[in-house]
Amino acid sequence: MKKDKRVEAIIWSIALPGFAQLLNKSYIKGLFFILLEIIVNVQARFNYIIIPSFQGNTDIAIEATNYQWIMFYPCLYMFAMWDAYRDAGGGQKPLSYIPFASAAFLGTIGVIASPTFQIMGVLLGPIWTGILAHIVGFIIGIFIAKLLRRFIDFSEDEPSES
């Protein structure tokens, strides 16, 4: 049952940052994330650029994007998702946050590179490059967390007092 709650939190966070916080009864935090989402979304022109991106009009999407604002989006999105996941009982293993942070970092890099980044000669633009970078970042983060867990001893939570 607990795993279902964590999956539900992730799904609602994908839909809109803040929804899962409301589901987890963190109302102030949830409303704050929703407000931040709206501000960043409007300033970046995010919803507007989704339309030409999905229609294959990448040049229009790139031209319409406010890059100064859209660079906030990956970190806001992934932090809200991590927060909801943790509040729903996830993130109990050490370094569980690394895939979320890695996705935020690479998502931001993806957005920055999006005006020129191409795959097989196809310019992806801010939406598709951002999505792809998030996925790649999350997968890389999973491997980094697993690798670090092998080399770091987490058996002692706090330093001992002498």
C-alpha atoms as a PDB file:
ATOM      1  CA  MET A   1       0.000   0.000   0.000  1.00  0.00           C
ATOM      2  CA  LYS A   2       2.832   2.384   0.855  1.00  0.00           C
ATOM      3  CA  LYS A   3       4.462   1.832  -2.554  1.00  0.00           C
ATOM      4  CA  ASP A   4       1.156   2.698  -4.225  1.00  0.00           C
ATOM      5  CA  LYS A   5       1.105   6.011  -2.319  1.00  0.00           C
ATOM      6  CA  ARG A   6       4.620   6.842  -3.520  1.00  0.00           C
ATOM      7  CA  VAL A   7       3.722   6.050  -7.137  1.00  0.00           C
ATOM      8  CA  GLU A   8       0.555   8.129  -6.803  1.00  0.00           C
ATOM      9  CA  ALA A   9       2.617  11.071  -5.476  1.00  0.00           C
ATOM     10  CA  ILE A  10       4.995  10.858  -8.448  1.00  0.00           C
ATOM     11  CA  ILE A  11       2.143  10.677 -10.965  1.00  0.00           C
ATOM     12  CA  TRP A  12       0.355  13.703  -9.479  1.00  0.00           C
ATOM     13  CA  SER A  13       3.640  15.616  -9.349  1.00  0.00           C
ATOM     14  CA  ILE A  14       4.190  14.898 -13.030  1.00  0.00           C
ATOM     15  CA  ALA A  15       0.729  16.309 -13.700  1.00  0.00           C
ATOM     16  CA  LEU A  16       1.396  19.515 -11.750  1.00  0.00           C
ATOM     17  CA  PRO A  17       3.909  20.346  -9.030  1.00  0.00           C
ATOM     18  CA  GLY A  18       2.009  20.854  -5.789  1.00  0.00           C
ATOM     19  CA  PHE A  19      -0.846  18.420  -6.445  1.00  0.00           C
ATOM     20  CA  ALA A  20       0.877  15.576  -4.580  1.00  0.00           C
ATOM     21  CA  GLN A  21       1.625  17.862  -1.639  1.00  0.00           C
ATOM     22  CA  LEU A  22      -2.125  18.574  -1.428  1.00  0.00           C
ATOM     23  CA  LEU A  23      -2.742  14.823  -1.591  1.00  0.00           C
ATOM     24  CA  ASN A  24      -0.213  14.358   1.238  1.00  0.00           C
ATOM     25  CA  LYS A  25      -2.114  17.005   3.275  1.00  0.00           C
ATOM     26  CA  SER A  26       0.751  19.532   3.071  1.00  0.00           C
ATOM     27  CA  TYR A  27      -1.639  22.267   1.990  1.00  0.00           C
ATOM     28  CA  ILE A  28       0.561  25.343   2.400  1.00  0.00           C
ATOM     29  CA  LYS A  29       3.489  23.669   0.667  1.00  0.00           C
ATOM     30  CA  GLY A  30       1.209  22.367  -2.087  1.00  0.00           C
ATOM     31  CA  LEU A  31      -0.322  25.781  -2.748  1.00  0.00           C
ATOM     32  CA  PHE A  32       3.155  27.329  -2.722  1.00  0.00           C
ATOM     33  CA  PHE A  33       4.398  24.856  -5.371  1.00  0.00           C
ATOM     34  CA  ILE A  34       1.291  25.456  -7.484  1.00  0.00           C
ATOM     35  CA  LEU A  35       1.811  29.224  -7.238  1.00  0.00           C
ATOM     36  CA  LEU A  36       5.480  28.873  -8.206  1.00  0.00           C
ATOM     37  CA  GLU A  37       4.485  26.584 -11.080  1.00  0.00           C
ATOM     38  CA  ILE A  38       2.017  29.149 -12.406  1.00  0.00           C
ATOM     39  CA  ILE A  39       4.491  32.033 -12.118  1.00  0.00           C
ATOM     40  CA  VAL A  40       7.347  30.178 -13.823  1.00  0.00           C
ATOM     41  CA  ASN A  41       5.002  28.658 -16.407  1.00  0.00           C
ATOM     42  CA  VAL A  42       3.530  32.015 -17.427  1.00  0.00           C
ATOM     43  CA  GLN A  43       6.849  33.872 -17.401  1.00  0.00           C
ATOM     44  CA  ALA A  44       8.616  31.157 -19.421  1.00  0.00           C
ATOM     45  CA  ARG A  45       5.607  30.893 -21.787  1.00  0.00           C
ATOM     46  CA  PHE A  46       5.745  27.163 -21.081  1.00  0.00           C
ATOM     47  CA  ASN A  47       2.174  26.238 -22.014  1.00  0.00           C
ATOM     48  CA  TYR A  48       2.403  28.301 -25.194  1.00  0.00           C
ATOM     49  CA  ILE A  49       5.591  26.557 -26.347  1.00  0.00           C
ATOM     50  CA  ILE A  50       4.164  23.088 -25.694  1.00  0.00           C
ATOM     51  CA  ILE A  51       1.740  23.514 -28.597  1.00  0.00           C
ATOM     52  CA  PRO A  52       4.260  24.186 -31.401  1.00  0.00           C
ATOM     53  CA  SER A  53       6.649  21.646 -29.849  1.00  0.00           C
ATOM     54  CA  PHE A  54       4.068  18.872 -30.121  1.00  0.00           C
ATOM     55  CA  GLN A  55       3.172  20.005 -33.640  1.00  0.00           C
ATOM     56  CA  GLY A  56       6.804  19.820 -34.788  1.00  0.00           C
ATOM     57  CA  ASN A  57       7.221  23.608 -35.102  1.00  0.00           C
ATOM     58  CA  THR A  58      10.403  23.714 -33.051  1.00  0.00           C
ATOM     59  CA  ASP A  59      11.606  27.063 -34.426  1.00  0.00           C
ATOM     60  CA  ILE A  60       8.410  28.759 -33.201  1.00  0.00           C
ATOM     61  CA  ALA A  61       8.795  27.126 -29.764  1.00  0.00           C
ATOM     62  CA  ILE A  62      12.424  28.242 -29.452  1.00  0.00           C
ATOM     63  CA  GLU A  63      11.602  31.790 -30.516  1.00  0.00           C
ATOM     64  CA  ALA A  64       8.720  32.039 -28.027  1.00  0.00           C
ATOM     65  CA  THR A  65      10.637  30.622 -25.043  1.00  0.00           C
ATOM     66  CA  ASN A  66      11.771  32.935 -22.260  1.00  0.00           C
ATOM     67  CA  TYR A  67      14.973  31.110 -21.340  1.00  0.00           C
ATOM     68  CA  GLN A  68      15.616  33.265 -18.282  1.00  0.00           C
ATOM     69  CA  TRP A  69      12.455  31.813 -16.711  1.00  0.00           C
ATOM     70  CA  ILE A  70      12.288  28.315 -18.172  1.00  0.00           C
ATOM     71  CA  MET A  71      15.642  27.485 -16.581  1.00  0.00           C
ATOM     72  CA  PHE A  72      13.849  27.518 -13.187  1.00  0.00           C
ATOM     73  CA  TYR A  73      11.369  24.886 -14.319  1.00  0.00           C
ATOM     74  CA  PRO A  74      13.460  21.658 -14.168  1.00  0.00           C
ATOM     75  CA  CYS A  75      14.606  22.285 -10.593  1.00  0.00           C
ATOM     76  CA  LEU A  76      11.154  23.350  -9.384  1.00  0.00           C
ATOM     77  CA  TYR A  77       9.577  20.351 -11.101  1.00  0.00           C
ATOM     78  CA  MET A  78      12.015  17.768  -9.747  1.00  0.00           C
ATOM     79  CA  PHE A  79      12.193  19.231  -6.233  1.00  0.00           C
ATOM     80  CA  ALA A  80       8.395  19.209  -5.941  1.00  0.00           C
ATOM     81  CA  MET A  81       8.415  15.609  -7.159  1.00  0.00           C
ATOM     82  CA  TRP A  82      11.134  14.591  -4.661  1.00  0.00           C
ATOM     83  CA  ASP A  83       9.322  16.341  -1.823  1.00  0.00           C
ATOM     84  CA  ALA A  84       6.033  14.596  -2.624  1.00  0.00           C
ATOM     85  CA  TYR A  85       7.739  11.218  -2.986  1.00  0.00           C
ATOM     86  CA  ARG A  86       9.537  11.617   0.345  1.00  0.00           C
ATOM     87  CA  ASP A  87       6.377  12.792   2.128  1.00  0.00           C
ATOM     88  CA  ALA A  88       4.553   9.735   0.773  1.00  0.00           C
ATOM     89  CA  GLY A  89       7.118   7.455   2.445  1.00  0.00           C
ATOM     90  CA  GLY A  90       9.715   7.155  -0.307  1.00  0.00           C
ATOM     91  CA  GLY A  91      13.349   8.094  -0.184  1.00  0.00           C
ATOM     92  CA  GLN A  92      14.240   5.905   2.782  1.00  0.00           C
ATOM     93  CA  LYS A  93      17.456   4.564   1.260  1.00  0.00           C
ATOM     94  CA  PRO A  94      20.554   6.732   1.600  1.00  0.00           C
ATOM     95  CA  LEU A  95      21.154   9.020  -1.386  1.00  0.00           C
ATOM     96  CA  SER A  96      17.606   8.487  -2.707  1.00  0.00           C
ATOM     97  CA  TYR A  97      17.479  12.137  -3.686  1.00  0.00           C
ATOM     98  CA  ILE A  98      20.327  11.818  -6.204  1.00  0.00           C
ATOM     99  CA  PRO A  99      18.210  10.701  -9.208  1.00  0.00           C
ATOM    100  CA  PHE A 100      15.861  13.650  -8.652  1.00  0.00           C
ATOM    101  CA  ALA A 101      18.721  16.139  -8.280  1.00  0.00           C
ATOM    102  CA  SER A 102      20.548  14.675 -11.278  1.00  0.00           C
ATOM    103  CA  ALA A 103      17.370  14.966 -13.370  1.00  0.00           C
ATOM    104  CA  ALA A 104      16.994  18.607 -12.272  1.00  0.00           C
ATOM    105  CA  PHE A 105      20.603  19.428 -13.206  1.00  0.00           C
ATOM    106  CA  LEU A 106      20.510  17.672 -16.564  1.00  0.00           C
ATOM    107  CA  GLY A 107      17.021  19.027 -17.276  1.00  0.00           C
ATOM    108  CA  THR A 108      18.377  22.553 -16.806  1.00  0.00           C
ATOM    109  CA  ILE A 109      21.346  21.802 -19.070  1.00  0.00           C
ATOM    110  CA  GLY A 110      18.929  20.346 -21.617  1.00  0.00           C
ATOM    111  CA  VAL A 111      16.853  23.519 -21.615  1.00  0.00           C
ATOM    112  CA  ILE A 112      19.997  25.647 -22.007  1.00  0.00           C
ATOM    113  CA  ALA A 113      21.215  23.505 -24.942  1.00  0.00           C
ATOM    114  CA  SER A 114      17.769  23.213 -26.545  1.00  0.00           C
ATOM    115  CA  PRO A 115      18.080  25.993 -29.157  1.00  0.00           C
ATOM    116  CA  THR A 116      20.888  24.076 -30.880  1.00  0.00           C
ATOM    117  CA  PHE A 117      20.723  20.462 -29.621  1.00  0.00           C
ATOM    118  CA  GLN A 118      19.906  17.983 -32.361  1.00  0.00           C
ATOM    119  CA  ILE A 119      19.529  14.228 -32.595  1.00  0.00           C
ATOM    120  CA  MET A 120      20.213  12.846 -36.061  1.00  0.00           C
ATOM    121  CA  GLY A 121      19.778  16.318 -37.529  1.00  0.00           C
ATOM    122  CA  VAL A 122      16.449  16.970 -35.778  1.00  0.00           C
ATOM    123  CA  LEU A 123      16.236  20.064 -33.577  1.00  0.00           C
ATOM    124  CA  LEU A 124      14.218  19.047 -30.516  1.00  0.00           C
ATOM    125  CA  GLY A 125      13.580  22.428 -28.875  1.00  0.00           C
ATOM    126  CA  PRO A 126      12.997  23.283 -25.211  1.00  0.00           C
ATOM    127  CA  ILE A 127      10.176  20.848 -24.423  1.00  0.00           C
ATOM    128  CA  TRP A 128      11.550  17.642 -25.953  1.00  0.00           C
ATOM    129  CA  THR A 129      15.185  18.355 -25.059  1.00  0.00           C
ATOM    130  CA  GLY A 130      14.107  19.120 -21.480  1.00  0.00           C
ATOM    131  CA  ILE A 131      12.056  15.914 -21.213  1.00  0.00           C
ATOM    132  CA  LEU A 132      14.858  13.816 -22.687  1.00  0.00           C
ATOM    133  CA  ALA A 133      17.451  15.404 -20.392  1.00  0.00           C
ATOM    134  CA  HIS A 134      15.233  14.761 -17.338  1.00  0.00           C
ATOM    135  CA  ILE A 135      14.913  11.077 -18.216  1.00  0.00           C
ATOM    136  CA  VAL A 136      18.625  10.666 -18.916  1.00  0.00           C
ATOM    137  CA  GLY A 137      19.465  12.589 -15.729  1.00  0.00           C
ATOM    138  CA  PHE A 138      17.197  10.402 -13.620  1.00  0.00           C
ATOM    139  CA  ILE A 139      18.698   7.202 -15.017  1.00  0.00           C
ATOM    140  CA  ILE A 140      22.252   8.483 -14.499  1.00  0.00           C
ATOM    141  CA  GLY A 141      21.266   9.504 -10.953  1.00  0.00           C
ATOM    142  CA  ILE A 142      20.050   5.980 -10.183  1.00  0.00           C
ATOM    143  CA  PHE A 143      23.429   4.571 -11.209  1.00  0.00           C
ATOM    144  CA  ILE A 144      25.348   7.251  -9.293  1.00  0.00           C
ATOM    145  CA  ALA A 145      23.333   6.594  -6.114  1.00  0.00           C
ATOM    146  CA  LYS A 146      23.851   2.816  -6.412  1.00  0.00           C
ATOM    147  CA  LEU A 147      27.561   3.285  -7.031  1.00  0.00           C
ATOM    148  CA  LEU A 148      27.995   5.632  -4.074  1.00  0.00           C
ATOM    149  CA  ARG A 149      26.053   3.284  -1.777  1.00  0.00           C
ATOM    150  CA  ARG A 150      28.699   0.639  -2.494  1.00  0.00           C
ATOM    151  CA  PHE A 151      31.551   2.892  -1.343  1.00  0.00           C
ATOM    152  CA  ILE A 152      30.011   4.895   1.500  1.00  0.00           C
ATOM    153  CA  ASP A 153      29.259   3.350   4.877  1.00  0.00           C
ATOM    154  CA  PHE A 154      25.824   4.491   6.036  1.00  0.00           C
ATOM    155  CA  SER A 155      25.677   2.280   9.117  1.00  0.00           C
ATOM    156  CA  GLU A 156      26.422   5.215  11.419  1.00  0.00           C
ATOM    157  CA  ASP A 157      23.907   8.057  11.086  1.00  0.00           C
ATOM    158  CA  GLU A 158      25.639  10.538  13.373  1.00  0.00           C
ATOM    159  CA  PRO A 159      29.285  10.992  14.292  1.00  0.00           C
ATOM    160  CA  SER A 160      30.179   9.452  17.626  1.00  0.00           C
ATOM    161  CA  GLU A 161      31.123  11.686  20.517  1.00  0.00           C
ATOM    162  CA  SER A 162      34.497  11.037  22.100  1.00  0.00           C
END
